[in-house]
Protein backbone atom coordinates (compact mmCIF):
# COMPACT_ATOMS: atom_id res chain seq x y z
CA MET A 1 -310.06 -68.24 83.33
CA ALA A 2 -307.05 -70.48 82.78
CA LEU A 3 -307.31 -73.74 80.87
CA GLU A 4 -306.47 -75.81 83.94
CA ASP A 5 -309.43 -74.24 85.75
CA ALA A 6 -311.77 -75.41 83.03
CA GLU A 7 -310.27 -78.87 83.17
CA THR A 8 -310.70 -79.17 86.93
CA GLY A 9 -314.31 -78.32 87.36
CA ASP A 10 -315.55 -75.14 85.68
CA ILE A 11 -318.46 -76.14 83.49
CA SER A 12 -319.84 -72.82 82.32
CA VAL A 13 -317.03 -70.67 80.86
CA ALA A 14 -314.82 -71.18 77.82
CA PRO A 15 -311.11 -71.51 78.55
CA ILE A 16 -308.61 -68.97 77.24
CA VAL A 17 -306.19 -70.88 75.04
CA GLY A 18 -305.12 -68.35 72.44
CA PRO A 19 -305.72 -68.16 68.69
CA ASP A 20 -303.20 -70.87 67.74
CA ASP A 21 -304.83 -73.67 69.71
CA PRO A 22 -306.62 -76.00 67.24
CA ARG A 23 -309.50 -76.70 69.62
CA ARG A 24 -312.81 -74.86 69.43
CA PHE A 25 -315.09 -74.04 72.34
CA THR A 26 -318.53 -72.50 72.73
CA ASP A 27 -318.75 -69.64 75.22
CA SER A 28 -319.90 -72.21 77.79
CA GLY A 29 -316.65 -74.15 77.60
CA ILE A 30 -318.15 -76.98 75.53
CA GLU A 31 -315.40 -78.26 73.27
CA VAL A 32 -316.69 -78.58 69.71
CA LYS A 33 -315.50 -81.73 67.95
CA THR A 34 -314.44 -81.73 64.32
CA LEU A 35 -317.15 -84.27 63.52
CA TYR A 36 -320.26 -85.52 65.30
CA THR A 37 -321.72 -88.94 64.59
CA GLU A 38 -324.44 -91.22 65.89
CA GLU A 39 -322.06 -92.22 68.68
CA ASP A 40 -322.61 -88.76 70.19
CA LEU A 41 -326.34 -89.40 70.60
CA ARG A 42 -328.04 -91.03 73.56
CA PRO A 43 -329.51 -94.46 72.84
CA ASP A 44 -332.91 -93.26 74.09
CA LEU A 45 -332.86 -90.04 72.07
CA VAL A 46 -336.03 -90.58 70.05
CA GLU A 47 -338.03 -91.59 73.11
CA GLU A 48 -336.68 -88.69 75.17
CA LEU A 49 -337.32 -86.09 72.48
CA GLY A 50 -341.04 -86.74 72.28
CA ARG A 51 -343.17 -84.83 69.81
CA PRO A 52 -343.76 -81.08 69.45
CA GLY A 53 -346.56 -79.90 71.72
CA GLU A 54 -346.08 -82.78 74.15
CA PRO A 55 -343.98 -83.07 77.33
CA PRO A 56 -341.11 -82.49 77.79
CA PHE A 57 -341.52 -80.00 74.92
CA THR A 58 -337.92 -80.31 73.71
CA ARG A 59 -339.19 -79.92 70.16
CA GLY A 60 -341.54 -77.00 70.84
CA VAL A 61 -344.63 -76.06 72.82
CA HIS A 62 -347.05 -76.35 69.89
CA ALA A 63 -347.63 -79.31 67.61
CA GLU A 64 -347.46 -77.32 64.36
CA MET A 65 -345.43 -74.34 65.56
CA TYR A 66 -345.11 -71.68 62.85
CA ARG A 67 -347.00 -73.58 60.15
CA LYS A 68 -350.12 -72.68 62.11
CA ARG A 69 -349.15 -69.29 63.52
CA LEU A 70 -346.02 -67.16 63.33
CA TRP A 71 -344.35 -65.81 66.43
CA THR A 72 -345.28 -62.33 67.69
CA MET A 73 -343.04 -59.75 66.03
CA ARG A 74 -342.54 -57.38 68.93
CA GLN A 75 -340.14 -54.45 68.45
CA TYR A 76 -338.82 -52.85 71.65
CA ALA A 77 -339.51 -49.12 71.47
CA GLY A 78 -339.98 -46.00 73.53
CA TYR A 79 -338.10 -42.76 73.98
CA ALA A 80 -338.48 -39.15 75.06
CA SER A 81 -342.16 -38.36 75.61
CA ALA A 82 -345.29 -40.49 75.61
CA LYS A 83 -346.41 -38.65 72.44
CA GLU A 84 -343.22 -39.47 70.52
CA SER A 85 -343.36 -43.09 71.70
CA ASN A 86 -346.99 -43.31 70.60
CA GLU A 87 -345.92 -42.22 67.12
CA ARG A 88 -343.21 -44.92 67.00
CA TYR A 89 -345.67 -47.60 68.16
CA LYS A 90 -348.10 -46.63 65.40
CA TYR A 91 -345.27 -46.64 62.85
CA LEU A 92 -344.25 -50.17 63.82
CA LEU A 93 -347.83 -51.45 63.75
CA GLU A 94 -348.35 -49.90 60.32
CA HIS A 95 -345.28 -51.76 59.02
CA GLY A 96 -346.35 -55.19 60.23
CA SER A 97 -345.31 -55.44 63.87
CA THR A 98 -347.78 -57.74 65.64
CA GLY A 99 -347.11 -56.67 69.22
CA LEU A 100 -345.69 -53.73 71.16
CA SER A 101 -342.73 -53.78 73.51
CA MET A 102 -342.51 -50.77 75.79
CA ALA A 103 -339.15 -49.33 76.82
CA PHE A 104 -339.09 -47.07 79.88
CA ASP A 105 -336.54 -44.46 80.82
CA LEU A 106 -334.27 -44.97 83.82
CA PRO A 107 -336.28 -42.79 86.25
CA THR A 108 -339.45 -44.78 85.51
CA GLN A 109 -337.58 -48.06 85.99
CA LEU A 110 -336.43 -46.84 89.40
CA GLY A 111 -339.87 -45.64 90.48
CA LEU A 112 -338.88 -41.97 90.42
CA ASP A 113 -340.78 -39.02 89.00
CA SER A 114 -339.08 -37.00 86.28
CA ASP A 115 -338.85 -34.01 88.61
CA ASP A 116 -336.72 -35.87 91.16
CA PRO A 117 -333.29 -34.17 91.37
CA MET A 118 -331.61 -37.55 90.81
CA CYS A 119 -333.17 -37.76 87.33
CA LEU A 120 -331.63 -34.67 85.76
CA GLY A 121 -330.39 -35.57 82.28
CA GLU A 122 -331.99 -39.03 82.26
CA VAL A 123 -335.62 -38.24 81.47
CA GLY A 124 -336.69 -39.93 78.23
CA ARG A 125 -333.16 -41.07 77.35
CA THR A 126 -333.35 -44.89 77.44
CA GLY A 127 -337.09 -45.14 76.98
CA VAL A 128 -340.33 -43.30 77.54
CA ALA A 129 -341.00 -41.33 80.73
CA ILE A 130 -344.22 -42.50 82.41
CA ASP A 131 -344.88 -40.45 85.53
CA THR A 132 -348.67 -40.38 85.54
CA ILE A 133 -351.88 -41.85 84.19
CA ASP A 134 -351.89 -38.97 81.69
CA ASP A 135 -348.57 -40.20 80.27
CA MET A 136 -349.87 -43.76 79.89
CA ARG A 137 -353.04 -42.44 78.26
CA THR A 138 -350.98 -40.49 75.72
CA ALA A 139 -348.64 -43.40 74.99
CA PHE A 140 -351.59 -45.55 73.83
CA GLU A 141 -353.80 -42.88 72.28
CA GLY A 142 -355.43 -44.33 69.18
CA ILE A 143 -354.12 -47.85 69.86
CA PRO A 144 -356.96 -50.22 70.82
CA LEU A 145 -355.71 -52.23 73.78
CA ASP A 146 -358.09 -55.11 73.06
CA GLU A 147 -356.33 -55.67 69.70
CA VAL A 148 -352.63 -55.50 70.61
CA SER A 149 -350.38 -57.41 72.97
CA THR A 150 -348.03 -55.17 74.95
CA SER A 151 -344.84 -56.21 76.69
CA MET A 152 -343.46 -53.87 79.34
CA THR A 153 -339.80 -54.03 80.27
CA ILE A 154 -340.37 -52.93 83.85
CA ASN A 155 -339.44 -54.62 87.10
CA ALA A 156 -339.40 -52.92 90.50
CA PRO A 157 -342.48 -50.74 89.72
CA ALA A 158 -344.09 -53.38 87.47
CA ALA A 159 -347.35 -53.49 89.46
CA CYS A 160 -347.86 -49.75 89.04
CA LEU A 161 -347.29 -49.80 85.26
CA LEU A 162 -349.67 -52.72 84.79
CA LEU A 163 -352.33 -50.88 86.79
CA LEU A 164 -351.89 -47.70 84.74
CA TYR A 165 -352.28 -49.80 81.58
CA GLN A 166 -355.42 -51.42 83.00
CA LEU A 167 -356.89 -48.02 83.89
CA VAL A 168 -356.25 -46.68 80.38
CA GLY A 169 -357.79 -49.82 78.91
CA GLU A 170 -360.91 -49.29 80.99
CA GLU A 171 -361.10 -45.70 79.73
CA GLN A 172 -361.11 -47.15 76.20
CA GLY A 173 -363.94 -49.49 77.17
CA VAL A 174 -361.68 -52.55 77.23
CA GLU A 175 -362.42 -55.05 79.98
CA PRO A 176 -359.34 -56.15 82.00
CA ALA A 177 -359.98 -59.74 80.91
CA GLN A 178 -359.35 -58.64 77.31
CA LEU A 179 -355.89 -57.21 77.98
CA ARG A 180 -352.95 -59.25 76.69
CA GLY A 181 -349.29 -58.70 77.37
CA THR A 182 -346.44 -59.13 79.79
CA THR A 183 -344.81 -57.26 82.63
CA GLN A 184 -341.19 -58.30 83.00
CA ASN A 185 -341.52 -58.10 86.80
CA ASP A 186 -338.30 -60.11 87.33
CA ILE A 187 -336.63 -58.43 90.28
CA LEU A 188 -334.11 -61.17 91.03
CA LYS A 189 -332.19 -60.55 87.83
CA GLU A 190 -331.95 -56.88 88.80
CA TYR A 191 -330.03 -57.81 91.94
CA ILE A 192 -327.83 -60.24 90.00
CA ALA A 193 -327.06 -58.48 86.75
CA ARG A 194 -328.82 -55.20 86.00
CA GLY A 195 -329.10 -53.03 89.12
CA ASN A 196 -332.50 -51.35 88.62
CA TYR A 197 -334.01 -52.29 91.96
CA ILE A 198 -335.79 -50.27 94.64
CA TYR A 199 -336.75 -52.45 97.60
CA PRO A 200 -335.02 -55.36 99.38
CA PRO A 201 -335.74 -58.90 98.11
CA ALA A 202 -338.52 -59.85 100.57
CA PRO A 203 -340.95 -56.99 99.81
CA SER A 204 -340.01 -57.18 96.12
CA MET A 205 -340.99 -60.84 96.04
CA ARG A 206 -344.23 -59.93 97.81
CA LEU A 207 -345.05 -57.42 95.07
CA THR A 208 -344.31 -60.09 92.47
CA THR A 209 -346.62 -62.67 93.98
CA ASP A 210 -349.29 -60.04 94.70
CA LEU A 211 -349.26 -59.30 90.98
CA PHE A 212 -349.65 -63.05 90.25
CA ALA A 213 -352.75 -63.21 92.44
CA TYR A 214 -354.23 -59.93 91.17
CA CYS A 215 -353.91 -60.90 87.52
CA ARG A 216 -355.42 -64.32 88.07
CA GLU A 217 -358.53 -62.62 89.38
CA HIS A 218 -358.67 -59.46 87.26
CA VAL A 219 -356.37 -59.70 84.20
CA PRO A 220 -356.30 -63.44 83.45
CA ARG A 221 -354.65 -63.25 80.00
CA TRP A 222 -351.69 -61.24 81.27
CA ASN A 223 -348.26 -62.85 81.59
CA THR A 224 -347.36 -61.86 85.12
CA VAL A 225 -343.58 -62.25 84.93
CA SER A 226 -340.99 -62.60 82.21
CA ILE A 227 -338.18 -64.51 83.88
CA SER A 228 -335.17 -63.03 82.18
CA GLY A 229 -331.91 -64.64 81.18
CA TYR A 230 -331.40 -61.91 78.62
CA HIS A 231 -329.68 -59.56 81.04
CA PHE A 232 -327.33 -62.25 82.34
CA ARG A 233 -326.07 -62.71 78.79
CA GLU A 234 -325.82 -58.95 78.27
CA LYS A 235 -323.65 -58.70 81.37
CA GLY A 236 -321.38 -61.45 80.06
CA SER A 237 -322.76 -64.84 81.07
CA SER A 238 -322.31 -67.94 78.97
CA ALA A 239 -325.24 -69.80 77.42
CA VAL A 240 -325.11 -72.44 80.17
CA GLN A 241 -325.17 -69.79 82.89
CA GLU A 242 -328.08 -68.07 81.14
CA VAL A 243 -330.15 -71.26 81.22
CA ALA A 244 -329.19 -72.25 84.77
CA PHE A 245 -329.65 -68.86 86.43
CA THR A 246 -332.90 -68.13 84.59
CA LEU A 247 -334.49 -71.42 85.59
CA ALA A 248 -333.19 -71.09 89.15
CA ASN A 249 -334.91 -67.70 89.39
CA GLY A 250 -338.06 -69.20 87.91
CA MET A 251 -338.04 -71.83 90.64
CA ALA A 252 -337.66 -69.08 93.26
CA TYR A 253 -340.76 -67.28 91.96
CA VAL A 254 -342.77 -70.50 91.90
CA GLN A 255 -341.75 -71.28 95.48
CA ALA A 256 -342.55 -67.73 96.61
CA ALA A 257 -346.02 -67.99 95.10
CA LEU A 258 -346.60 -71.35 96.76
CA ASP A 259 -345.45 -69.90 100.09
CA ALA A 260 -347.96 -67.06 99.58
CA GLY A 261 -350.76 -69.63 99.38
CA LEU A 262 -351.26 -69.83 95.61
CA ALA A 263 -351.79 -73.18 93.87
CA VAL A 264 -349.17 -73.96 91.25
CA ASP A 265 -351.61 -74.57 88.42
CA ASP A 266 -353.40 -71.31 89.20
CA PHE A 267 -350.41 -69.11 88.35
CA ALA A 268 -347.79 -71.17 86.49
CA PRO A 269 -349.56 -71.07 83.08
CA ARG A 270 -348.99 -67.29 82.98
CA LEU A 271 -345.25 -67.44 83.67
CA ALA A 272 -343.19 -66.36 80.68
CA PHE A 273 -339.45 -66.33 79.98
CA PHE A 274 -337.05 -64.02 78.14
CA PHE A 275 -333.83 -65.23 76.53
CA ASN A 276 -330.98 -63.68 74.59
CA GLY A 277 -330.06 -64.58 71.02
CA HIS A 278 -326.35 -64.76 70.21
CA ASN A 279 -324.33 -65.50 67.08
CA ASN A 280 -323.54 -69.21 67.52
CA VAL A 281 -326.68 -70.51 65.83
CA PHE A 282 -326.16 -74.12 66.88
CA GLN A 283 -325.56 -73.41 70.56
CA GLU A 284 -328.52 -71.03 70.70
CA VAL A 285 -330.90 -73.58 69.17
CA ALA A 286 -329.62 -76.19 71.63
CA LYS A 287 -330.00 -73.73 74.52
CA PHE A 288 -333.67 -73.11 73.83
CA ARG A 289 -334.39 -76.82 73.45
CA ALA A 290 -332.56 -77.70 76.67
CA ALA A 291 -334.37 -74.97 78.64
CA ARG A 292 -337.78 -76.25 77.54
CA ARG A 293 -336.99 -79.82 78.54
CA MET A 294 -335.50 -78.81 81.88
CA TRP A 295 -338.43 -76.57 82.90
CA ALA A 296 -341.00 -79.23 82.09
CA GLU A 297 -339.18 -81.73 84.28
CA LEU A 298 -338.59 -79.25 87.12
CA MET A 299 -342.22 -78.16 87.23
CA THR A 300 -343.46 -81.74 87.16
CA GLU A 301 -340.99 -83.37 89.51
CA ARG A 302 -340.30 -80.57 91.99
CA PHE A 303 -343.57 -78.64 92.11
CA GLY A 304 -346.12 -81.28 91.10
CA ALA A 305 -347.71 -79.23 88.32
CA GLN A 306 -350.53 -81.07 86.55
CA ASP A 307 -351.74 -78.57 83.96
CA PRO A 308 -349.71 -79.02 80.73
CA ASN A 309 -349.64 -75.22 80.40
CA SER A 310 -347.87 -75.00 83.77
CA ILE A 311 -344.86 -76.92 82.52
CA LYS A 312 -344.38 -75.24 79.15
CA ILE A 313 -341.74 -72.59 78.74
CA ARG A 314 -343.20 -69.86 76.58
CA PHE A 315 -340.45 -67.38 75.85
CA HIS A 316 -339.60 -64.13 74.14
CA THR A 317 -336.21 -63.67 72.50
CA GLN A 318 -334.30 -60.47 71.86
CA THR A 319 -331.21 -60.50 69.73
CA GLY A 320 -328.00 -59.79 71.58
CA GLY A 321 -327.42 -56.12 72.25
CA VAL A 322 -323.97 -56.85 73.61
CA THR A 323 -322.96 -58.42 70.26
CA LEU A 324 -323.60 -55.20 68.35
CA THR A 325 -320.55 -53.20 67.34
CA ALA A 326 -320.13 -49.46 66.82
CA GLN A 327 -317.40 -50.29 64.28
CA GLN A 328 -318.85 -51.12 60.84
CA ALA A 329 -322.32 -50.90 62.33
CA VAL A 330 -324.03 -52.13 59.16
CA ASN A 331 -322.50 -55.59 59.87
CA ASN A 332 -324.96 -55.80 62.75
CA ILE A 333 -327.76 -56.43 60.25
CA VAL A 334 -326.13 -59.79 59.48
CA ARG A 335 -325.57 -60.61 63.16
CA VAL A 336 -329.19 -59.83 63.99
CA ALA A 337 -330.42 -61.98 61.10
CA LEU A 338 -328.40 -64.98 62.34
CA GLN A 339 -329.60 -64.47 65.90
CA GLY A 340 -333.22 -64.14 64.84
CA PHE A 341 -332.92 -67.25 62.67
CA ALA A 342 -331.55 -69.19 65.65
CA ALA A 343 -334.42 -68.02 67.86
CA VAL A 344 -337.00 -69.14 65.32
CA CYS A 345 -335.31 -72.50 64.75
CA GLY A 346 -335.20 -72.85 68.55
CA GLY A 347 -338.96 -72.28 68.87
CA THR A 348 -339.45 -68.78 70.30
CA GLN A 349 -342.96 -67.41 70.88
CA SER A 350 -342.07 -63.80 70.23
CA LEU A 351 -339.02 -62.00 68.91
CA HIS A 352 -337.42 -58.57 68.98
CA THR A 353 -334.65 -57.91 66.47
CA ASN A 354 -332.26 -55.09 67.35
CA GLY A 355 -331.60 -52.09 65.16
CA TYR A 356 -328.16 -52.14 63.56
CA ASP A 357 -327.31 -48.72 65.03
CA GLU A 358 -328.09 -49.58 68.68
CA ALA A 359 -324.42 -49.69 69.66
CA LEU A 360 -324.50 -45.95 69.01
CA ALA A 361 -327.94 -44.81 70.19
CA LEU A 362 -331.59 -45.74 70.43
CA PRO A 363 -332.62 -47.21 67.05
CA SER A 364 -333.47 -44.79 64.29
CA GLU A 365 -336.72 -45.22 62.41
CA ARG A 366 -334.83 -46.68 59.44
CA ALA A 367 -332.96 -49.19 61.62
CA ALA A 368 -336.17 -50.22 63.38
CA LYS A 369 -337.86 -50.93 60.06
CA ILE A 370 -334.89 -52.98 58.79
CA ALA A 371 -334.97 -54.99 62.02
CA LEU A 372 -338.68 -55.70 61.55
CA ARG A 373 -338.15 -56.61 57.89
CA THR A 374 -335.44 -59.04 59.06
CA GLN A 375 -338.06 -60.95 61.03
CA GLN A 376 -340.42 -60.94 58.09
CA ILE A 377 -337.73 -62.32 55.76
CA ILE A 378 -336.94 -65.09 58.26
CA ALA A 379 -340.67 -65.86 58.43
CA HIS A 380 -341.39 -65.94 54.72
CA GLU A 381 -338.12 -66.59 52.88
CA SER A 382 -335.69 -68.60 55.01
CA GLY A 383 -337.59 -71.90 55.21
CA ALA A 384 -337.21 -71.92 59.01
CA THR A 385 -340.99 -71.94 59.46
CA ASP A 386 -341.73 -74.79 57.05
CA THR A 387 -341.19 -77.62 59.55
CA VAL A 388 -341.16 -77.97 63.32
CA ASP A 389 -337.80 -78.10 65.13
CA PRO A 390 -335.71 -78.24 61.94
CA PHE A 391 -332.43 -79.03 63.72
CA ALA A 392 -333.83 -82.08 65.54
CA GLY A 393 -331.75 -85.18 65.01
CA SER A 394 -328.59 -83.27 64.14
CA TYR A 395 -325.73 -85.12 65.79
CA TYR A 396 -324.16 -81.79 66.75
CA VAL A 397 -327.29 -80.00 68.02
CA GLU A 398 -328.58 -82.98 69.98
CA ALA A 399 -325.17 -83.43 71.63
CA LEU A 400 -325.08 -79.70 72.47
CA THR A 401 -328.62 -79.83 73.87
CA ASP A 402 -327.66 -82.66 76.23
CA GLU A 403 -324.39 -80.99 77.25
CA ILE A 404 -326.03 -77.63 77.99
CA GLU A 405 -328.69 -79.37 80.08
CA SER A 406 -326.11 -81.37 82.04
CA ARG A 407 -323.95 -78.33 82.82
CA ALA A 408 -326.95 -76.13 83.67
CA ARG A 409 -328.26 -78.77 86.08
CA THR A 410 -324.92 -78.77 87.87
CA LEU A 411 -325.16 -75.00 88.40
CA ILE A 412 -328.77 -75.27 89.60
CA ASP A 413 -327.69 -77.92 92.10
CA ARG A 414 -325.09 -75.49 93.45
CA ILE A 415 -327.71 -72.74 93.80
CA ASP A 416 -330.07 -75.19 95.52
CA GLY A 417 -327.29 -76.01 97.96
CA MET A 418 -327.07 -72.32 98.90
CA GLY A 419 -330.81 -72.11 99.61
CA GLY A 420 -332.03 -70.89 96.22
CA SER A 421 -331.64 -67.79 94.09
CA VAL A 422 -332.29 -65.18 96.78
CA GLU A 423 -329.44 -66.60 98.87
CA ALA A 424 -327.21 -67.14 95.81
CA ILE A 425 -327.29 -63.62 94.37
CA ALA A 426 -323.61 -62.97 95.10
CA TYR A 427 -322.59 -66.36 93.68
CA MET A 428 -324.42 -65.83 90.40
CA THR A 429 -323.06 -62.30 90.08
CA SER A 430 -319.48 -63.48 90.55
CA GLU A 431 -319.94 -66.31 88.03
CA ILE A 432 -321.21 -63.89 85.41
CA ASP A 433 -318.35 -61.47 86.15
CA GLU A 434 -315.81 -64.22 85.56
CA SER A 435 -317.48 -65.23 82.33
CA ALA A 436 -317.48 -61.61 81.14
CA TRP A 437 -313.76 -61.36 81.87
CA GLY A 438 -313.23 -64.51 79.82
CA TYR A 439 -315.09 -63.02 76.87
CA GLN A 440 -312.90 -59.94 76.98
CA GLU A 441 -309.68 -61.94 77.18
CA ARG A 442 -310.64 -64.19 74.28
CA TYR A 443 -311.36 -61.13 72.13
CA ARG A 444 -308.18 -59.39 73.27
CA THR A 445 -305.98 -62.34 72.37
CA GLY A 446 -307.74 -62.99 69.07
CA GLN A 447 -308.99 -66.41 70.15
CA ASP A 448 -312.51 -65.21 69.35
CA ILE A 449 -312.98 -63.00 66.29
CA VAL A 450 -315.35 -60.07 66.07
CA VAL A 451 -315.44 -58.82 62.49
CA GLY A 452 -314.56 -55.16 62.32
CA VAL A 453 -313.29 -55.04 65.90
CA ASN A 454 -310.27 -57.34 66.20
CA LYS A 455 -310.09 -58.53 62.57
CA TYR A 456 -310.90 -56.93 59.22
CA VAL A 457 -310.58 -53.58 60.96
CA GLU A 458 -311.08 -50.37 59.01
CA GLY A 459 -310.04 -46.82 59.79
CA GLU A 460 -312.28 -44.19 61.27
CA LEU A 461 -315.50 -45.07 63.05
CA GLU A 462 -318.44 -44.35 60.77
CA VAL A 463 -321.13 -42.58 62.77
CA GLU A 464 -324.55 -42.96 61.22
CA ASP A 465 -327.32 -40.39 61.30
CA ILE A 466 -328.47 -41.69 64.67
CA LEU A 467 -331.54 -40.89 66.73
CA ARG A 468 -330.92 -38.03 69.13
CA VAL A 469 -333.39 -37.21 71.87
CA ASP A 470 -334.12 -33.48 71.94
CA PRO A 471 -332.89 -32.08 75.29
CA GLU A 472 -336.00 -29.91 75.36
CA SER A 473 -338.15 -33.05 75.73
CA GLU A 474 -337.03 -33.33 79.35
CA ARG A 475 -338.13 -29.78 80.13
CA ALA A 476 -341.47 -30.42 78.44
CA GLN A 477 -341.99 -33.56 80.53
CA LEU A 478 -341.24 -31.63 83.72
CA ASP A 479 -343.78 -28.97 82.69
CA ARG A 480 -346.44 -31.61 82.05
CA LEU A 481 -345.73 -33.24 85.41
CA ALA A 482 -345.96 -29.91 87.23
CA ALA A 483 -349.31 -29.19 85.58
CA PHE A 484 -350.55 -32.68 86.50
CA LYS A 485 -349.62 -32.24 90.17
CA ALA A 486 -351.27 -28.83 90.28
CA ASP A 487 -354.53 -30.16 88.84
CA ARG A 488 -355.64 -32.61 91.53
CA ASP A 489 -357.05 -32.83 95.03
CA PRO A 490 -354.01 -32.73 97.37
CA GLU A 491 -355.98 -34.07 100.34
CA LEU A 492 -357.15 -37.08 98.31
CA VAL A 493 -353.60 -37.70 97.12
CA GLU A 494 -352.26 -37.69 100.68
CA ARG A 495 -355.03 -39.98 101.85
CA ARG A 496 -354.33 -42.46 99.06
CA LEU A 497 -350.59 -42.43 99.79
CA GLY A 498 -351.34 -43.05 103.46
CA GLU A 499 -353.42 -46.06 102.44
CA VAL A 500 -350.47 -47.37 100.39
CA ARG A 501 -348.19 -47.11 103.42
CA ALA A 502 -350.74 -48.85 105.64
CA ALA A 503 -351.17 -51.68 103.12
CA ALA A 504 -347.39 -52.07 102.82
CA GLU A 505 -347.18 -52.48 106.60
CA GLY A 506 -349.80 -55.23 106.48
CA THR A 507 -350.15 -58.44 104.50
CA GLU A 508 -353.03 -57.72 102.13
CA ASN A 509 -352.57 -57.70 98.35
CA LEU A 510 -351.10 -54.32 97.52
CA LEU A 511 -352.41 -53.93 93.97
CA PRO A 512 -356.01 -52.84 94.71
CA VAL A 513 -354.69 -50.06 96.94
CA LEU A 514 -352.06 -49.03 94.38
CA ARG A 515 -354.76 -48.95 91.71
CA GLU A 516 -356.90 -46.52 93.70
CA ALA A 517 -353.93 -44.24 94.30
CA LEU A 518 -352.91 -44.14 90.63
CA ARG A 519 -356.51 -43.65 89.48
CA ASP A 520 -356.87 -40.69 91.85
CA ARG A 521 -353.83 -39.01 90.29
CA CYS A 522 -350.99 -39.99 92.54
CA SER A 523 -347.81 -40.13 90.47
CA LEU A 524 -345.63 -43.19 89.96
CA GLY A 525 -342.84 -41.69 92.06
CA GLU A 526 -345.20 -40.85 94.90
CA VAL A 527 -346.70 -44.35 95.03
CA CYS A 528 -343.31 -46.07 94.84
CA GLY A 529 -341.97 -43.62 97.41
CA ALA A 530 -344.80 -44.45 99.82
CA MET A 531 -343.87 -48.13 99.63
CA ARG A 532 -340.20 -47.24 100.01
CA ASP A 533 -341.04 -45.44 103.27
CA VAL A 534 -342.13 -48.83 104.64
CA PHE A 535 -339.94 -51.33 102.78
CA GLY A 536 -336.70 -49.34 102.69
CA ARG A 537 -334.10 -49.43 99.91
CA TYR A 538 -332.02 -52.39 98.82
CA GLN A 539 -328.33 -51.98 99.61
CA PRO A 540 -326.12 -54.49 97.77
CA ALA A 541 -323.35 -56.19 99.67
CA ALA A 542 -319.92 -54.71 99.17
């Protein structure tokens, strides 16, 4: 991205000017002035800000924020087998984690069973393998599901994983109405930035809105979607792009639900969001504040929402995985602390702090505990929780909040002009790609400094005693899956899969049929495969 491009219309990517240029830019191309004064504030600032807990929620979604209740400390975890993941979940809960965040392996995310030939070498590597109701039962053995909130980072097969969780809860004697948690269920960001999709957009959106309707009736405390900007930032987007593309996708889900016959105030209160936390504390605080204000106005003005809970952004934050370095990995503890502090000062509802060794492998037990302790230190020692919206009124932060909102609105207008997010997938992908290239060039030239990578560099890479998944865990999972498939009624399985295909060909809500299939011991891969027989696979444009 050349400087002249930024000066002639690009409003989301920092220019590349080299290390000797005296100017400073955020990653969104916002030039940072040497000094901010009252002249940088809008005359109507106080009126526009409002109060915490009141529209447009710039200052937070609750009147007292953390003075009344801390955010949910939710550490992302899961690897190898359901048994090993269960042990990690219990470890985190014992050390003060207040919610669980479930990581799934790549085969599970793609709706494939562990015994699929495509999955060789991937089982249990990036998260836990969940092929069957037995696996879900083991993952939560001894964890009362009426007492914990569980977030599941799962998208294309989100409906199936929620149903398995519901079935296990019922086995524990927990009513579905008592279950609390979130399914990420954000398929649009998979097409744009992440790539873990199964079906084309239309049937994927149907599954999303079917889950909205099912949860309203059966699992009313469940957050049905976590609309995710996190992955845009991981792929290389700027903060402005993260806000714009996330809210644009949120609008697409709202419109899809309306088109499916749902009333906005019946489903919108259970929408949740997921943002990234990066190192520039001031821009991150401004980003969260701008996103809250924008969503409240969009939901009110565009969709006519009346329920105050329909217009609040409630969001989870995870610190930036892409900011972690393999070089001098212990420095990541400081980065994560800054990012977590920014998320808290920006008003997050839940937070995951990354392990310092995650640039090398899944977090070790030691790294996971340090990451959790980081949150606890922010909560009890930093002073960030003593007052609501502590950066409010800062000349710099208020100016950044307004600038991020203005630039994000411009991008949303462009997406609207293309027909919305589904039609703008290629546009958003290309914008993020260009931003990622800009990041790399600014690091390469030394314009942006990464300590230990392009400045203050040391010699050999220090490799910690990292977590290594035992290769035998894959074989053990395959053995368990084979035993599961041998111990069931094959005629019942085939009948249930036939019912899934028939429902996919129709227009009824798919989740009740999926639930019966999973309860009667169909595997995740079989159920997703039955829908794939009808819906087909998504093929991205060249």
